[in-house]
Amino acid sequence: MPELPEVETVRRGLAPAFEGARVTAVRLRRADLRFPFPDRFQERLEGARVDALGRRGKYLVAALSSGESLIMHLGMSGRFTVAGRGVEAEKGAGEQMARAAFHYAAGGDPRHDHVAFDLDGPNGGCVVTYNDPRRFGFMDLVPGGDLEVCRHFAGMGPEPLSAAFSDAYFADRLRGGGSPIKTALLDQRVVAGVGNIYACEALYRAGVSPRRRAGTVPGARSRRLRMAIVDVLEEAIVAGGSSLRDFAATDGGLGYFQHAFAVYDRAGEPCRRCGGVITRITQSGRSTFFCGGCQR
């Protein structure tokens, strides 16, 4: 499942195509993805202008001139591709962004192209196509003023790269927690967008065992861990995310942060810090990778 860095990479690749463009047509090749499309999905989108393309946790959020917001989730295998002269004109500026070229080859088997958006932007037209072989992704429309209380975001924690994710906030949320700290990091009510890969990597950087009870972390450990979360996410965004199975950026390129993994998917290999052996365990149905020698 794409985590915050992968979704942010996609957002940066799509923004020049979406932002300021008017949706002239929406073509659906099926009635649903993971869930059915909202009622009158095409009608509510067509004619609207995309004022901004943002991200909340692992979701893309397009603010529309109609007052609604289009929420998009990639699921496990979803990806967007962009084609058209309207984005080609933006290529020079776009090359300043990490992994965000703006004339994209088609991606994946066209039988899985489920949604196509025809966009008329400031520099001309383009087509954004959503391809999803497993159909675990979804799209929804909600009133813009209800974003933080809608079913997708209600109770979601702060963005880890925002000022709201402070040392004080993090320590307070962990205090008294009885679950393992790794489980707490995957709880989107604690912090938004952190998934299995980056939780493992951040815990390693902070020297905190994933088995440690969350309530024992506040203090020096939580301060180290909060900064490790921020650092690993920022570095992964610069690297274009991590490509393990299905993820590719909007230009078809693969992220390369996986080459910097210290523990994730390295079971049985030596720890680069202490020389111990990286261990794999299962927590809440997910694989956890860590070094028992230097994570306490």
C-alpha atoms as a PDB file:
ATOM      1  CA  MET A   1       0.000   0.000   0.000  1.00  0.00           C
ATOM      2  CA  PRO A   2       1.529   3.366  -0.969  1.00  0.00           C
ATOM      3  CA  GLU A   3       2.420   5.419   2.098  1.00  0.00           C
ATOM      4  CA  LEU A   4       2.804   9.169   2.529  1.00  0.00           C
ATOM      5  CA  PRO A   5       5.999   9.590   0.415  1.00  0.00           C
ATOM      6  CA  GLU A   6       4.562   7.640  -2.514  1.00  0.00           C
ATOM      7  CA  VAL A   7       1.277   9.554  -2.451  1.00  0.00           C
ATOM      8  CA  GLU A   8       3.110  12.871  -2.159  1.00  0.00           C
ATOM      9  CA  THR A   9       5.250  11.899  -5.170  1.00  0.00           C
ATOM     10  CA  VAL A  10       2.082  11.226  -7.161  1.00  0.00           C
ATOM     11  CA  ARG A  11       0.538  14.509  -5.982  1.00  0.00           C
ATOM     12  CA  ARG A  12       3.561  16.487  -7.182  1.00  0.00           C
ATOM     13  CA  GLY A  13       3.408  14.743 -10.532  1.00  0.00           C
ATOM     14  CA  LEU A  14      -0.313  15.405 -10.991  1.00  0.00           C
ATOM     15  CA  ALA A  15      -0.486  18.972  -9.693  1.00  0.00           C
ATOM     16  CA  PRO A  16       0.608  20.704 -12.934  1.00  0.00           C
ATOM     17  CA  ALA A  17      -2.071  18.809 -14.857  1.00  0.00           C
ATOM     18  CA  PHE A  18      -4.903  19.272 -12.359  1.00  0.00           C
ATOM     19  CA  GLU A  19      -4.412  22.649 -10.714  1.00  0.00           C
ATOM     20  CA  GLY A  20      -6.210  25.457 -12.516  1.00  0.00           C
ATOM     21  CA  ALA A  21      -7.715  23.042 -15.054  1.00  0.00           C
ATOM     22  CA  ARG A  22     -11.393  22.591 -15.759  1.00  0.00           C
ATOM     23  CA  VAL A  23     -12.828  19.072 -15.928  1.00  0.00           C
ATOM     24  CA  THR A  24     -14.434  18.876 -19.367  1.00  0.00           C
ATOM     25  CA  ALA A  25     -15.343  15.181 -19.264  1.00  0.00           C
ATOM     26  CA  VAL A  26     -15.130  12.160 -16.969  1.00  0.00           C
ATOM     27  CA  ARG A  27     -15.175   8.713 -18.519  1.00  0.00           C
ATOM     28  CA  LEU A  28     -15.897   5.698 -16.306  1.00  0.00           C
ATOM     29  CA  ARG A  29     -15.126   2.242 -17.669  1.00  0.00           C
ATOM     30  CA  ARG A  30     -16.931   0.502 -14.789  1.00  0.00           C
ATOM     31  CA  ALA A  31     -19.417   1.309 -12.049  1.00  0.00           C
ATOM     32  CA  ASP A  32     -17.068   0.844  -9.124  1.00  0.00           C
ATOM     33  CA  LEU A  33     -13.534   0.436  -7.822  1.00  0.00           C
ATOM     34  CA  ARG A  34     -13.273  -0.811  -4.246  1.00  0.00           C
ATOM     35  CA  PHE A  35     -16.583   0.980  -3.678  1.00  0.00           C
ATOM     36  CA  PRO A  36     -19.213   2.245  -6.125  1.00  0.00           C
ATOM     37  CA  PHE A  37     -18.609   5.727  -7.485  1.00  0.00           C
ATOM     38  CA  PRO A  38     -20.691   8.436  -5.761  1.00  0.00           C
ATOM     39  CA  ASP A  39     -24.094   9.289  -7.170  1.00  0.00           C
ATOM     40  CA  ARG A  40     -23.885  11.517 -10.256  1.00  0.00           C
ATOM     41  CA  PHE A  41     -20.090  11.346 -10.077  1.00  0.00           C
ATOM     42  CA  GLN A  42     -19.533  12.494 -13.656  1.00  0.00           C
ATOM     43  CA  GLU A  43     -22.165  15.221 -13.524  1.00  0.00           C
ATOM     44  CA  ARG A  44     -20.772  16.674 -10.288  1.00  0.00           C
ATOM     45  CA  LEU A  45     -17.223  16.806 -11.674  1.00  0.00           C
ATOM     46  CA  GLU A  46     -17.769  17.980 -15.221  1.00  0.00           C
ATOM     47  CA  GLY A  47     -17.481  21.742 -15.544  1.00  0.00           C
ATOM     48  CA  ALA A  48     -15.726  22.179 -12.197  1.00  0.00           C
ATOM     49  CA  ARG A  49     -12.281  23.761 -11.931  1.00  0.00           C
ATOM     50  CA  VAL A  50      -9.602  22.147  -9.790  1.00  0.00           C
ATOM     51  CA  ASP A  51      -8.421  24.937  -7.501  1.00  0.00           C
ATOM     52  CA  ALA A  52      -5.770  22.898  -5.686  1.00  0.00           C
ATOM     53  CA  LEU A  53      -4.501  19.332  -5.429  1.00  0.00           C
ATOM     54  CA  GLY A  54      -3.512  18.414  -1.901  1.00  0.00           C
ATOM     55  CA  ARG A  55      -2.828  15.352   0.197  1.00  0.00           C
ATOM     56  CA  ARG A  56      -4.193  14.166   3.537  1.00  0.00           C
ATOM     57  CA  GLY A  57      -2.342  11.174   4.925  1.00  0.00           C
ATOM     58  CA  LYS A  58      -2.374   8.579   2.138  1.00  0.00           C
ATOM     59  CA  TYR A  59      -5.172  10.301   0.187  1.00  0.00           C
ATOM     60  CA  LEU A  60      -5.140  12.799  -2.681  1.00  0.00           C
ATOM     61  CA  VAL A  61      -7.629  15.654  -2.286  1.00  0.00           C
ATOM     62  CA  ALA A  62      -8.673  17.922  -5.169  1.00  0.00           C
ATOM     63  CA  ALA A  63     -10.484  21.103  -4.100  1.00  0.00           C
ATOM     64  CA  LEU A  64     -13.111  21.961  -6.715  1.00  0.00           C
ATOM     65  CA  SER A  65     -14.720  25.269  -7.673  1.00  0.00           C
ATOM     66  CA  SER A  66     -18.089  23.607  -7.051  1.00  0.00           C
ATOM     67  CA  GLY A  67     -17.360  23.587  -3.315  1.00  0.00           C
ATOM     68  CA  GLU A  68     -16.841  19.825  -3.206  1.00  0.00           C
ATOM     69  CA  SER A  69     -13.574  17.939  -2.853  1.00  0.00           C
ATOM     70  CA  LEU A  70     -12.584  14.887  -4.878  1.00  0.00           C
ATOM     71  CA  ILE A  71     -10.901  12.314  -2.637  1.00  0.00           C
ATOM     72  CA  MET A  72      -8.746   9.675  -4.360  1.00  0.00           C
ATOM     73  CA  HIS A  73      -7.011   6.666  -2.829  1.00  0.00           C
ATOM     74  CA  LEU A  74      -4.533   4.527  -4.771  1.00  0.00           C
ATOM     75  CA  GLY A  75      -5.222   1.274  -2.956  1.00  0.00           C
ATOM     76  CA  MET A  76      -2.533  -1.334  -3.595  1.00  0.00           C
ATOM     77  CA  SER A  77      -2.007  -1.043  -7.335  1.00  0.00           C
ATOM     78  CA  GLY A  78      -3.554   2.222  -8.486  1.00  0.00           C
ATOM     79  CA  ARG A  79      -1.561   4.685 -10.583  1.00  0.00           C
ATOM     80  CA  PHE A  80      -2.210   7.792 -12.653  1.00  0.00           C
ATOM     81  CA  THR A  81      -0.768   8.642 -16.039  1.00  0.00           C
ATOM     82  CA  VAL A  82      -0.984  11.962 -17.848  1.00  0.00           C
ATOM     83  CA  ALA A  83      -0.835  12.723 -21.564  1.00  0.00           C
ATOM     84  CA  GLY A  84      -1.430  15.840 -23.616  1.00  0.00           C
ATOM     85  CA  ARG A  85       0.083  19.074 -24.816  1.00  0.00           C
ATOM     86  CA  GLY A  86      -1.338  20.975 -21.858  1.00  0.00           C
ATOM     87  CA  VAL A  87       1.173  19.340 -19.549  1.00  0.00           C
ATOM     88  CA  GLU A  88       3.989  19.218 -22.054  1.00  0.00           C
ATOM     89  CA  ALA A  89       4.151  23.006 -21.916  1.00  0.00           C
ATOM     90  CA  GLU A  90       4.823  22.802 -18.184  1.00  0.00           C
ATOM     91  CA  LYS A  91       7.711  20.386 -18.498  1.00  0.00           C
ATOM     92  CA  GLY A  92      10.500  22.896 -17.929  1.00  0.00           C
ATOM     93  CA  ALA A  93       9.128  24.077 -14.594  1.00  0.00           C
ATOM     94  CA  GLY A  94       8.090  20.595 -13.597  1.00  0.00           C
ATOM     95  CA  GLU A  95      11.585  19.182 -13.887  1.00  0.00           C
ATOM     96  CA  GLN A  96      12.442  21.151 -10.760  1.00  0.00           C
ATOM     97  CA  MET A  97      10.209  18.787  -8.768  1.00  0.00           C
ATOM     98  CA  ALA A  98      11.269  15.371  -7.544  1.00  0.00           C
ATOM     99  CA  ARG A  99      10.269  12.755 -10.115  1.00  0.00           C
ATOM    100  CA  ALA A 100       7.610  14.912 -11.761  1.00  0.00           C
ATOM    101  CA  ALA A 101       8.001  15.061 -15.528  1.00  0.00           C
ATOM    102  CA  PHE A 102       4.767  16.042 -17.222  1.00  0.00           C
ATOM    103  CA  HIS A 103       4.398  14.041 -20.398  1.00  0.00           C
ATOM    104  CA  TYR A 104       3.777  10.494 -19.382  1.00  0.00           C
ATOM    105  CA  ALA A 105       3.651   7.217 -21.206  1.00  0.00           C
ATOM    106  CA  ALA A 106       0.580   5.082 -20.675  1.00  0.00           C
ATOM    107  CA  GLY A 107       0.911   2.821 -17.662  1.00  0.00           C
ATOM    108  CA  GLY A 108      -0.096  -0.780 -17.209  1.00  0.00           C
ATOM    109  CA  ASP A 109      -2.580  -2.905 -19.070  1.00  0.00           C
ATOM    110  CA  PRO A 110      -5.198  -0.601 -20.686  1.00  0.00           C
ATOM    111  CA  ARG A 111      -7.894  -3.102 -19.692  1.00  0.00           C
ATOM    112  CA  HIS A 112      -7.447  -1.697 -16.178  1.00  0.00           C
ATOM    113  CA  ASP A 113      -7.839   1.961 -17.186  1.00  0.00           C
ATOM    114  CA  HIS A 114     -10.990   2.556 -15.142  1.00  0.00           C
ATOM    115  CA  VAL A 115     -11.305   6.358 -15.017  1.00  0.00           C
ATOM    116  CA  ALA A 116     -10.206   9.108 -17.409  1.00  0.00           C
ATOM    117  CA  PHE A 117     -10.398  12.838 -16.706  1.00  0.00           C
ATOM    118  CA  ASP A 118     -10.325  15.235 -19.664  1.00  0.00           C
ATOM    119  CA  LEU A 119      -8.829  18.487 -18.401  1.00  0.00           C
ATOM    120  CA  ASP A 120      -8.633  21.907 -20.036  1.00  0.00           C
ATOM    121  CA  GLY A 121      -5.805  23.745 -18.306  1.00  0.00           C
ATOM    122  CA  PRO A 122      -4.115  27.128 -18.738  1.00  0.00           C
ATOM    123  CA  ASN A 123      -1.743  25.673 -21.350  1.00  0.00           C
ATOM    124  CA  GLY A 124      -4.146  23.403 -23.179  1.00  0.00           C
ATOM    125  CA  GLY A 125      -5.789  20.061 -22.724  1.00  0.00           C
ATOM    126  CA  CYS A 126      -4.629  16.785 -21.223  1.00  0.00           C
ATOM    127  CA  VAL A 127      -6.038  13.434 -20.126  1.00  0.00           C
ATOM    128  CA  VAL A 128      -5.372  11.928 -16.698  1.00  0.00           C
ATOM    129  CA  THR A 129      -6.059   8.195 -16.578  1.00  0.00           C
ATOM    130  CA  TYR A 130      -6.439   6.059 -13.472  1.00  0.00           C
ATOM    131  CA  ASN A 131      -5.298   2.437 -13.869  1.00  0.00           C
ATOM    132  CA  ASP A 132      -5.877  -0.107 -11.074  1.00  0.00           C
ATOM    133  CA  PRO A 133      -5.565  -3.870 -11.743  1.00  0.00           C
ATOM    134  CA  ARG A 134      -6.597  -4.900  -8.219  1.00  0.00           C
ATOM    135  CA  ARG A 135      -9.275  -2.210  -7.851  1.00  0.00           C
ATOM    136  CA  PHE A 136      -8.489  -1.546  -4.178  1.00  0.00           C
ATOM    137  CA  GLY A 137      -8.409   2.187  -4.827  1.00  0.00           C
ATOM    138  CA  PHE A 138     -11.482   4.411  -4.706  1.00  0.00           C
ATOM    139  CA  MET A 139     -12.798   7.913  -5.392  1.00  0.00           C
ATOM    140  CA  ASP A 140     -15.323   9.937  -3.438  1.00  0.00           C
ATOM    141  CA  LEU A 141     -16.864  13.417  -3.434  1.00  0.00           C
ATOM    142  CA  VAL A 142     -17.522  15.288  -0.186  1.00  0.00           C
ATOM    143  CA  PRO A 143     -18.414  18.892   0.676  1.00  0.00           C
ATOM    144  CA  GLY A 144     -15.174  20.849   1.026  1.00  0.00           C
ATOM    145  CA  GLY A 145     -16.162  22.204   4.427  1.00  0.00           C
ATOM    146  CA  ASP A 146     -16.710  18.704   5.771  1.00  0.00           C
ATOM    147  CA  LEU A 147     -13.305  17.248   4.899  1.00  0.00           C
ATOM    148  CA  GLU A 148     -12.015  16.832   8.443  1.00  0.00           C
ATOM    149  CA  VAL A 149     -15.249  15.206   9.635  1.00  0.00           C
ATOM    150  CA  CYS A 150     -15.953  13.008   6.607  1.00  0.00           C
ATOM    151  CA  ARG A 151     -15.707   9.241   6.980  1.00  0.00           C
ATOM    152  CA  HIS A 152     -12.208   9.163   5.488  1.00  0.00           C
ATOM    153  CA  PHE A 153     -10.580  11.774   7.736  1.00  0.00           C
ATOM    154  CA  ALA A 154     -12.642  11.935  10.930  1.00  0.00           C
ATOM    155  CA  GLY A 155     -10.308  11.345  13.855  1.00  0.00           C
ATOM    156  CA  MET A 156      -7.186  11.261  11.663  1.00  0.00           C
ATOM    157  CA  GLY A 157      -4.045  12.497  13.388  1.00  0.00           C
ATOM    158  CA  PRO A 158      -1.886  15.419  12.256  1.00  0.00           C
ATOM    159  CA  GLU A 159       0.328  15.404   9.201  1.00  0.00           C
ATOM    160  CA  PRO A 160       3.807  14.284  10.338  1.00  0.00           C
ATOM    161  CA  LEU A 161       5.490  17.066   8.340  1.00  0.00           C
ATOM    162  CA  SER A 162       3.342  19.775   9.924  1.00  0.00           C
ATOM    163  CA  ALA A 163       3.913  21.860  13.038  1.00  0.00           C
ATOM    164  CA  ALA A 164       0.968  20.078  14.681  1.00  0.00           C
ATOM    165  CA  PHE A 165       3.088  16.934  14.944  1.00  0.00           C
ATOM    166  CA  SER A 166       5.126  18.336  17.829  1.00  0.00           C
ATOM    167  CA  ASP A 167       7.139  16.642  20.551  1.00  0.00           C
ATOM    168  CA  ALA A 168       4.450  17.564  23.073  1.00  0.00           C
ATOM    169  CA  TYR A 169       1.605  16.208  20.931  1.00  0.00           C
ATOM    170  CA  PHE A 170       3.413  12.946  20.167  1.00  0.00           C
ATOM    171  CA  ALA A 171       4.382  12.268  23.768  1.00  0.00           C
ATOM    172  CA  ASP A 172       0.843  12.985  24.925  1.00  0.00           C
ATOM    173  CA  ARG A 173      -0.691  10.570  22.394  1.00  0.00           C
ATOM    174  CA  LEU A 174       1.699   7.786  23.381  1.00  0.00           C
ATOM    175  CA  ARG A 175       1.440   8.300  27.126  1.00  0.00           C
ATOM    176  CA  GLY A 176      -0.344   5.401  28.819  1.00  0.00           C
ATOM    177  CA  GLY A 177      -0.566   3.367  25.613  1.00  0.00           C
ATOM    178  CA  GLY A 178      -0.471  -0.380  26.085  1.00  0.00           C
ATOM    179  CA  SER A 179       0.083  -1.426  22.475  1.00  0.00           C
ATOM    180  CA  PRO A 180       3.550  -1.909  20.931  1.00  0.00           C
ATOM    181  CA  ILE A 181       4.992   1.353  19.623  1.00  0.00           C
ATOM    182  CA  LYS A 182       5.077  -0.040  16.075  1.00  0.00           C
ATOM    183  CA  THR A 183       1.314  -0.628  16.247  1.00  0.00           C
ATOM    184  CA  ALA A 184       0.792   2.903  17.569  1.00  0.00           C
ATOM    185  CA  LEU A 185       2.707   4.386  14.616  1.00  0.00           C
ATOM    186  CA  LEU A 186       0.436   2.591  12.157  1.00  0.00           C
ATOM    187  CA  ASP A 187      -2.653   4.013  13.892  1.00  0.00           C
ATOM    188  CA  GLN A 188      -3.748   6.868  11.616  1.00  0.00           C
ATOM    189  CA  ARG A 189      -5.404   8.515  14.606  1.00  0.00           C
ATOM    190  CA  VAL A 190      -1.940   9.087  16.094  1.00  0.00           C
ATOM    191  CA  VAL A 191      -0.174  10.350  12.980  1.00  0.00           C
ATOM    192  CA  ALA A 192      -1.386  10.453   9.375  1.00  0.00           C
ATOM    193  CA  GLY A 193       0.287   8.698   6.477  1.00  0.00           C
ATOM    194  CA  VAL A 194       2.896   6.562   8.248  1.00  0.00           C
ATOM    195  CA  GLY A 195       2.774   2.944   7.120  1.00  0.00           C
ATOM    196  CA  ASN A 196       4.698  -0.247   7.679  1.00  0.00           C
ATOM    197  CA  ILE A 197       7.884   0.596   5.778  1.00  0.00           C
ATOM    198  CA  TYR A 198       8.514   4.000   7.296  1.00  0.00           C
ATOM    199  CA  ALA A 199       7.496   2.933  10.801  1.00  0.00           C
ATOM    200  CA  CYS A 200      10.189   0.230  10.708  1.00  0.00           C
ATOM    201  CA  GLU A 201      12.798   2.621   9.352  1.00  0.00           C
ATOM    202  CA  ALA A 202      11.985   5.405  11.825  1.00  0.00           C
ATOM    203  CA  LEU A 203      12.092   3.056  14.824  1.00  0.00           C
ATOM    204  CA  TYR A 204      15.500   1.835  13.711  1.00  0.00           C
ATOM    205  CA  ARG A 205      16.861   5.365  13.347  1.00  0.00           C
ATOM    206  CA  ALA A 206      15.574   6.276  16.792  1.00  0.00           C
ATOM    207  CA  GLY A 207      16.975   3.089  18.366  1.00  0.00           C
ATOM    208  CA  VAL A 208      13.528   2.121  19.681  1.00  0.00           C
ATOM    209  CA  SER A 209      12.369  -1.490  19.711  1.00  0.00           C
ATOM    210  CA  PRO A 210       9.088  -2.066  17.859  1.00  0.00           C
ATOM    211  CA  ARG A 211       8.064  -4.330  20.751  1.00  0.00           C
ATOM    212  CA  ARG A 212       8.382  -1.569  23.345  1.00  0.00           C
ATOM    213  CA  ARG A 213       5.052  -0.562  24.877  1.00  0.00           C
ATOM    214  CA  ALA A 214       3.980   2.842  23.525  1.00  0.00           C
ATOM    215  CA  GLY A 215       3.412   4.193  27.017  1.00  0.00           C
ATOM    216  CA  THR A 216       7.103   3.752  27.863  1.00  0.00           C
ATOM    217  CA  VAL A 217       8.315   5.855  24.930  1.00  0.00           C
ATOM    218  CA  PRO A 218       7.435   9.464  25.968  1.00  0.00           C
ATOM    219  CA  GLY A 219      10.511  11.470  26.893  1.00  0.00           C
ATOM    220  CA  ALA A 220      13.864  11.324  25.141  1.00  0.00           C
ATOM    221  CA  ARG A 221      12.796   8.298  23.098  1.00  0.00           C
ATOM    222  CA  SER A 222       9.652   9.968  21.750  1.00  0.00           C
ATOM    223  CA  ARG A 223      11.630  13.079  20.802  1.00  0.00           C
ATOM    224  CA  ARG A 224      14.156  10.961  18.885  1.00  0.00           C
ATOM    225  CA  LEU A 225      11.387   8.955  17.275  1.00  0.00           C
ATOM    226  CA  ARG A 226       9.362  11.985  16.185  1.00  0.00           C
ATOM    227  CA  MET A 227      12.405  13.482  14.488  1.00  0.00           C
ATOM    228  CA  ALA A 228      13.251  10.141  12.893  1.00  0.00           C
ATOM    229  CA  ILE A 229       9.721   9.927  11.436  1.00  0.00           C
ATOM    230  CA  VAL A 230      10.066  13.407   9.944  1.00  0.00           C
ATOM    231  CA  ASP A 231      13.549  12.741   8.569  1.00  0.00           C
ATOM    232  CA  VAL A 232      12.754   9.401   6.966  1.00  0.00           C
ATOM    233  CA  LEU A 233       9.584  10.721   5.329  1.00  0.00           C
ATOM    234  CA  GLU A 234      11.336  13.795   3.955  1.00  0.00           C
ATOM    235  CA  GLU A 235      14.189  11.713   2.568  1.00  0.00           C
ATOM    236  CA  ALA A 236      11.772   9.237   0.999  1.00  0.00           C
ATOM    237  CA  ILE A 237       9.840  12.045  -0.710  1.00  0.00           C
ATOM    238  CA  VAL A 238      13.058  13.360  -2.255  1.00  0.00           C
ATOM    239  CA  ALA A 239      13.785   9.802  -3.443  1.00  0.00           C
ATOM    240  CA  GLY A 240      10.349   9.504  -5.050  1.00  0.00           C
ATOM    241  CA  GLY A 241       9.117   6.960  -2.502  1.00  0.00           C
ATOM    242  CA  SER A 242       9.821   3.234  -2.382  1.00  0.00           C
ATOM    243  CA  SER A 243       8.995   0.809  -5.203  1.00  0.00           C
ATOM    244  CA  LEU A 244       8.527  -2.760  -4.004  1.00  0.00           C
ATOM    245  CA  ARG A 245       5.712  -4.211  -6.103  1.00  0.00           C
ATOM    246  CA  ASP A 246       3.109  -2.013  -7.752  1.00  0.00           C
ATOM    247  CA  PHE A 247       4.127   1.562  -7.047  1.00  0.00           C
ATOM    248  CA  ALA A 248       5.283   3.829  -9.854  1.00  0.00           C
ATOM    249  CA  ALA A 249       5.236   7.609 -10.099  1.00  0.00           C
ATOM    250  CA  THR A 250       3.038   9.374 -12.623  1.00  0.00           C
ATOM    251  CA  ASP A 251       5.884   9.406 -15.148  1.00  0.00           C
ATOM    252  CA  GLY A 252       6.184   5.632 -14.883  1.00  0.00           C
ATOM    253  CA  GLY A 253       9.434   5.926 -12.935  1.00  0.00           C
ATOM    254  CA  LEU A 254      10.136   3.924  -9.818  1.00  0.00           C
ATOM    255  CA  GLY A 255      10.978   5.388  -6.448  1.00  0.00           C
ATOM    256  CA  TYR A 256      14.400   4.485  -5.150  1.00  0.00           C
ATOM    257  CA  PHE A 257      14.227   4.932  -1.360  1.00  0.00           C
ATOM    258  CA  GLN A 258      14.176   1.122  -1.051  1.00  0.00           C
ATOM    259  CA  HIS A 259      17.919   1.215  -1.750  1.00  0.00           C
ATOM    260  CA  ALA A 260      18.373   3.124   1.519  1.00  0.00           C
ATOM    261  CA  PHE A 261      16.430   0.682   3.727  1.00  0.00           C
ATOM    262  CA  ALA A 262      18.307   0.000   6.947  1.00  0.00           C
ATOM    263  CA  VAL A 263      16.004  -2.762   8.206  1.00  0.00           C
ATOM    264  CA  TYR A 264      12.890  -3.163   6.068  1.00  0.00           C
ATOM    265  CA  ASP A 265      12.952  -6.393   4.028  1.00  0.00           C
ATOM    266  CA  ARG A 266      16.508  -7.143   5.247  1.00  0.00           C
ATOM    267  CA  ALA A 267      15.787 -10.092   7.584  1.00  0.00           C
ATOM    268  CA  GLY A 268      18.920 -12.159   8.221  1.00  0.00           C
ATOM    269  CA  GLU A 269      21.276  -9.440   7.006  1.00  0.00           C
ATOM    270  CA  PRO A 270      23.755  -7.634   9.282  1.00  0.00           C
ATOM    271  CA  CYS A 271      22.821  -4.397  11.009  1.00  0.00           C
ATOM    272  CA  ARG A 272      24.831  -1.542   9.522  1.00  0.00           C
ATOM    273  CA  ARG A 273      25.055   0.123  12.920  1.00  0.00           C
ATOM    274  CA  CYS A 274      26.004  -2.603  15.380  1.00  0.00           C
ATOM    275  CA  GLY A 275      26.682  -5.696  13.282  1.00  0.00           C
ATOM    276  CA  GLY A 276      23.758  -7.631  14.754  1.00  0.00           C
ATOM    277  CA  VAL A 277      21.270  -9.550  12.649  1.00  0.00           C
ATOM    278  CA  ILE A 278      18.080  -7.959  11.314  1.00  0.00           C
ATOM    279  CA  THR A 279      15.037  -9.868  12.579  1.00  0.00           C
ATOM    280  CA  ARG A 280      11.556 -10.203  11.133  1.00  0.00           C
ATOM    281  CA  ILE A 281       8.521 -10.650  13.380  1.00  0.00           C
ATOM    282  CA  THR A 282       4.779 -10.282  12.809  1.00  0.00           C
ATOM    283  CA  GLN A 283       2.836  -7.552  14.610  1.00  0.00           C
ATOM    284  CA  SER A 284      -0.863  -6.970  13.995  1.00  0.00           C
ATOM    285  CA  GLY A 285      -0.610  -9.062  10.860  1.00  0.00           C
ATOM    286  CA  ARG A 286       2.248  -6.993   9.404  1.00  0.00           C
ATOM    287  CA  SER A 287       5.927  -7.813   9.018  1.00  0.00           C
ATOM    288  CA  THR A 288       8.199  -5.852  11.320  1.00  0.00           C
ATOM    289  CA  PHE A 289      11.948  -5.641  10.682  1.00  0.00           C
ATOM    290  CA  PHE A 290      14.360  -4.480  13.373  1.00  0.00           C
ATOM    291  CA  CYS A 291      17.739  -5.033  15.031  1.00  0.00           C
ATOM    292  CA  GLY A 292      17.454  -6.525  18.495  1.00  0.00           C
ATOM    293  CA  GLY A 293      21.030  -5.494  19.217  1.00  0.00           C
ATOM    294  CA  CYS A 294      20.615  -1.733  19.032  1.00  0.00           C
ATOM    295  CA  GLN A 295      16.867  -1.087  19.220  1.00  0.00           C
ATOM    296  CA  ARG A 296      15.789  -1.016  22.857  1.00  0.00           C
END
